[in-house]
Amino acid sequence: MKKKLIAFILYIIMLGIDFYLLPFLIKDTGTAMLLMLCVMPLIALASSVAYGIYRGFSITPAIAALVLFIPTIFIHYNSSAWIYAVVYALIALAGIGIGRVFYKKR
């Protein structure tokens, strides 16, 4: 149980950095597009793959990605960013699925 919790906490910390700290680097439309369409999804995918490799498949981290992104809409973005919450949850789910493939080989 403790190993599961530690892995989940590390996953949450990674997503927290991704969703809450990286948007402070946005200066103009170009950096916003680069961060929101390339960098942030790649970090979410990489951390989800790592979680899937370490803990196997679970839908909880994808839900956590959705829930963690929603407050950032009000902090950093506007109402047009709602779709990103769903997209990041789907990216996390795909990453966990990819990691699950390698879970058995670990």
C-alpha atoms as a PDB file:
ATOM      1  CA  MET A   1       0.000   0.000   0.000  1.00  0.00           C
ATOM      2  CA  LYS A   2       2.800   2.410   0.851  1.00  0.00           C
ATOM      3  CA  LYS A   3       4.512   1.871  -2.522  1.00  0.00           C
ATOM      4  CA  LYS A   4       1.258   2.596  -4.351  1.00  0.00           C
ATOM      5  CA  LEU A   5       0.776   5.800  -2.414  1.00  0.00           C
ATOM      6  CA  ILE A   6       4.348   6.974  -2.999  1.00  0.00           C
ATOM      7  CA  ALA A   7       4.056   6.313  -6.743  1.00  0.00           C
ATOM      8  CA  PHE A   8       0.752   8.187  -6.881  1.00  0.00           C
ATOM      9  CA  ILE A   9       2.115  11.132  -4.899  1.00  0.00           C
ATOM     10  CA  LEU A  10       5.119  11.412  -7.226  1.00  0.00           C
ATOM     11  CA  TYR A  11       2.739  11.311 -10.201  1.00  0.00           C
ATOM     12  CA  ILE A  12       0.611  14.082  -8.664  1.00  0.00           C
ATOM     13  CA  ILE A  13       3.703  16.203  -7.983  1.00  0.00           C
ATOM     14  CA  MET A  14       4.834  15.817 -11.596  1.00  0.00           C
ATOM     15  CA  LEU A  15       1.415  16.830 -12.916  1.00  0.00           C
ATOM     16  CA  GLY A  16       1.280  19.696 -10.436  1.00  0.00           C
ATOM     17  CA  ILE A  17       4.546  21.070 -11.758  1.00  0.00           C
ATOM     18  CA  ASP A  18       3.330  20.524 -15.303  1.00  0.00           C
ATOM     19  CA  PHE A  19      -0.067  22.180 -14.868  1.00  0.00           C
ATOM     20  CA  TYR A  20       0.649  24.879 -12.287  1.00  0.00           C
ATOM     21  CA  LEU A  21       4.257  26.034 -12.741  1.00  0.00           C
ATOM     22  CA  LEU A  22       4.885  25.734 -16.484  1.00  0.00           C
ATOM     23  CA  PRO A  23       2.124  28.219 -17.430  1.00  0.00           C
ATOM     24  CA  PHE A  24       4.136  30.943 -15.715  1.00  0.00           C
ATOM     25  CA  LEU A  25       6.570  30.635 -18.645  1.00  0.00           C
ATOM     26  CA  ILE A  26       3.896  31.753 -21.110  1.00  0.00           C
ATOM     27  CA  LYS A  27       4.766  35.202 -22.433  1.00  0.00           C
ATOM     28  CA  ASP A  28       2.943  35.356 -25.771  1.00  0.00           C
ATOM     29  CA  THR A  29       0.791  33.266 -28.076  1.00  0.00           C
ATOM     30  CA  GLY A  30       3.765  31.373 -29.511  1.00  0.00           C
ATOM     31  CA  THR A  31       5.030  30.164 -26.164  1.00  0.00           C
ATOM     32  CA  ALA A  32       1.476  29.374 -25.085  1.00  0.00           C
ATOM     33  CA  MET A  33       0.969  27.145 -28.109  1.00  0.00           C
ATOM     34  CA  LEU A  34       4.349  25.478 -27.647  1.00  0.00           C
ATOM     35  CA  LEU A  35       3.732  24.768 -23.974  1.00  0.00           C
ATOM     36  CA  MET A  36       0.075  23.774 -24.143  1.00  0.00           C
ATOM     37  CA  LEU A  37       0.256  21.713 -27.320  1.00  0.00           C
ATOM     38  CA  CYS A  38       3.732  20.149 -27.059  1.00  0.00           C
ATOM     39  CA  VAL A  39       5.566  20.407 -23.750  1.00  0.00           C
ATOM     40  CA  MET A  40       2.748  19.943 -21.241  1.00  0.00           C
ATOM     41  CA  PRO A  41       1.178  16.937 -23.029  1.00  0.00           C
ATOM     42  CA  LEU A  42       4.602  15.302 -23.372  1.00  0.00           C
ATOM     43  CA  ILE A  43       5.289  15.696 -19.665  1.00  0.00           C
ATOM     44  CA  ALA A  44       1.836  14.319 -18.831  1.00  0.00           C
ATOM     45  CA  LEU A  45       2.395  11.402 -21.201  1.00  0.00           C
ATOM     46  CA  ALA A  46       5.885  10.633 -19.893  1.00  0.00           C
ATOM     47  CA  SER A  47       4.799  10.710 -16.252  1.00  0.00           C
ATOM     48  CA  SER A  48       1.778   8.543 -17.076  1.00  0.00           C
ATOM     49  CA  VAL A  49       3.919   6.000 -18.905  1.00  0.00           C
ATOM     50  CA  ALA A  50       6.282   5.890 -15.925  1.00  0.00           C
ATOM     51  CA  TYR A  51       3.336   5.397 -13.569  1.00  0.00           C
ATOM     52  CA  GLY A  52       1.939   2.650 -15.788  1.00  0.00           C
ATOM     53  CA  ILE A  53       5.292   0.867 -15.906  1.00  0.00           C
ATOM     54  CA  TYR A  54       5.688   1.078 -12.152  1.00  0.00           C
ATOM     55  CA  ARG A  55       2.111   0.396 -10.972  1.00  0.00           C
ATOM     56  CA  GLY A  56       0.218  -1.098 -13.920  1.00  0.00           C
ATOM     57  CA  PHE A  57      -3.111   0.111 -15.281  1.00  0.00           C
ATOM     58  CA  SER A  58      -5.421   2.247 -13.192  1.00  0.00           C
ATOM     59  CA  ILE A  59      -7.944   4.894 -14.175  1.00  0.00           C
ATOM     60  CA  THR A  60      -7.314   6.927 -11.009  1.00  0.00           C
ATOM     61  CA  PRO A  61      -4.288   8.852 -12.384  1.00  0.00           C
ATOM     62  CA  ALA A  62      -6.266   9.894 -15.468  1.00  0.00           C
ATOM     63  CA  ILE A  63      -9.039  11.216 -13.235  1.00  0.00           C
ATOM     64  CA  ALA A  64      -6.393  12.974 -11.140  1.00  0.00           C
ATOM     65  CA  ALA A  65      -5.040  14.668 -14.280  1.00  0.00           C
ATOM     66  CA  LEU A  66      -8.540  15.889 -15.112  1.00  0.00           C
ATOM     67  CA  VAL A  67      -9.186  17.157 -11.588  1.00  0.00           C
ATOM     68  CA  LEU A  68      -5.758  18.793 -11.275  1.00  0.00           C
ATOM     69  CA  PHE A  69      -6.106  20.702 -14.535  1.00  0.00           C
ATOM     70  CA  ILE A  70      -9.551  22.185 -13.870  1.00  0.00           C
ATOM     71  CA  PRO A  71      -8.382  24.794 -11.288  1.00  0.00           C
ATOM     72  CA  THR A  72      -5.671  25.994 -13.687  1.00  0.00           C
ATOM     73  CA  ILE A  73      -8.388  27.086 -16.095  1.00  0.00           C
ATOM     74  CA  PHE A  74      -9.400  29.759 -13.593  1.00  0.00           C
ATOM     75  CA  ILE A  75      -5.819  30.559 -12.535  1.00  0.00           C
ATOM     76  CA  HIS A  76      -3.925  30.734 -15.837  1.00  0.00           C
ATOM     77  CA  TYR A  77      -6.340  30.479 -18.762  1.00  0.00           C
ATOM     78  CA  ASN A  78      -9.886  31.325 -19.773  1.00  0.00           C
ATOM     79  CA  SER A  79     -13.015  29.254 -20.343  1.00  0.00           C
ATOM     80  CA  SER A  80     -11.833  28.096 -23.763  1.00  0.00           C
ATOM     81  CA  ALA A  81      -9.275  25.819 -22.039  1.00  0.00           C
ATOM     82  CA  TRP A  82     -11.909  23.364 -20.728  1.00  0.00           C
ATOM     83  CA  ILE A  83     -11.183  20.962 -23.576  1.00  0.00           C
ATOM     84  CA  TYR A  84      -7.567  20.652 -22.414  1.00  0.00           C
ATOM     85  CA  ALA A  85      -8.727  19.038 -19.159  1.00  0.00           C
ATOM     86  CA  VAL A  86     -10.335  16.208 -21.119  1.00  0.00           C
ATOM     87  CA  VAL A  87      -7.394  15.990 -23.523  1.00  0.00           C
ATOM     88  CA  TYR A  88      -4.851  15.713 -20.705  1.00  0.00           C
ATOM     89  CA  ALA A  89      -6.968  13.045 -18.998  1.00  0.00           C
ATOM     90  CA  LEU A  90      -7.074  11.050 -22.245  1.00  0.00           C
ATOM     91  CA  ILE A  91      -3.321  11.505 -22.720  1.00  0.00           C
ATOM     92  CA  ALA A  92      -2.766  10.265 -19.171  1.00  0.00           C
ATOM     93  CA  LEU A  93      -5.015   7.274 -19.810  1.00  0.00           C
ATOM     94  CA  ALA A  94      -3.128   6.449 -23.008  1.00  0.00           C
ATOM     95  CA  GLY A  95       0.214   6.816 -21.203  1.00  0.00           C
ATOM     96  CA  ILE A  96      -0.880   4.498 -18.431  1.00  0.00           C
ATOM     97  CA  GLY A  97      -2.018   2.004 -21.055  1.00  0.00           C
ATOM     98  CA  ILE A  98       1.360   2.199 -22.792  1.00  0.00           C
ATOM     99  CA  GLY A  99       3.135   1.778 -19.461  1.00  0.00           C
ATOM    100  CA  ARG A 100       0.953  -1.220 -18.645  1.00  0.00           C
ATOM    101  CA  VAL A 101       2.381  -3.029 -21.669  1.00  0.00           C
ATOM    102  CA  PHE A 102       5.837  -2.785 -20.095  1.00  0.00           C
ATOM    103  CA  TYR A 103       4.579  -3.527 -16.560  1.00  0.00           C
ATOM    104  CA  LYS A 104       4.712  -7.294 -17.104  1.00  0.00           C
ATOM    105  CA  LYS A 105       8.249  -7.075 -18.511  1.00  0.00           C
ATOM    106  CA  ARG A 106       9.552  -5.242 -15.444  1.00  0.00           C
END
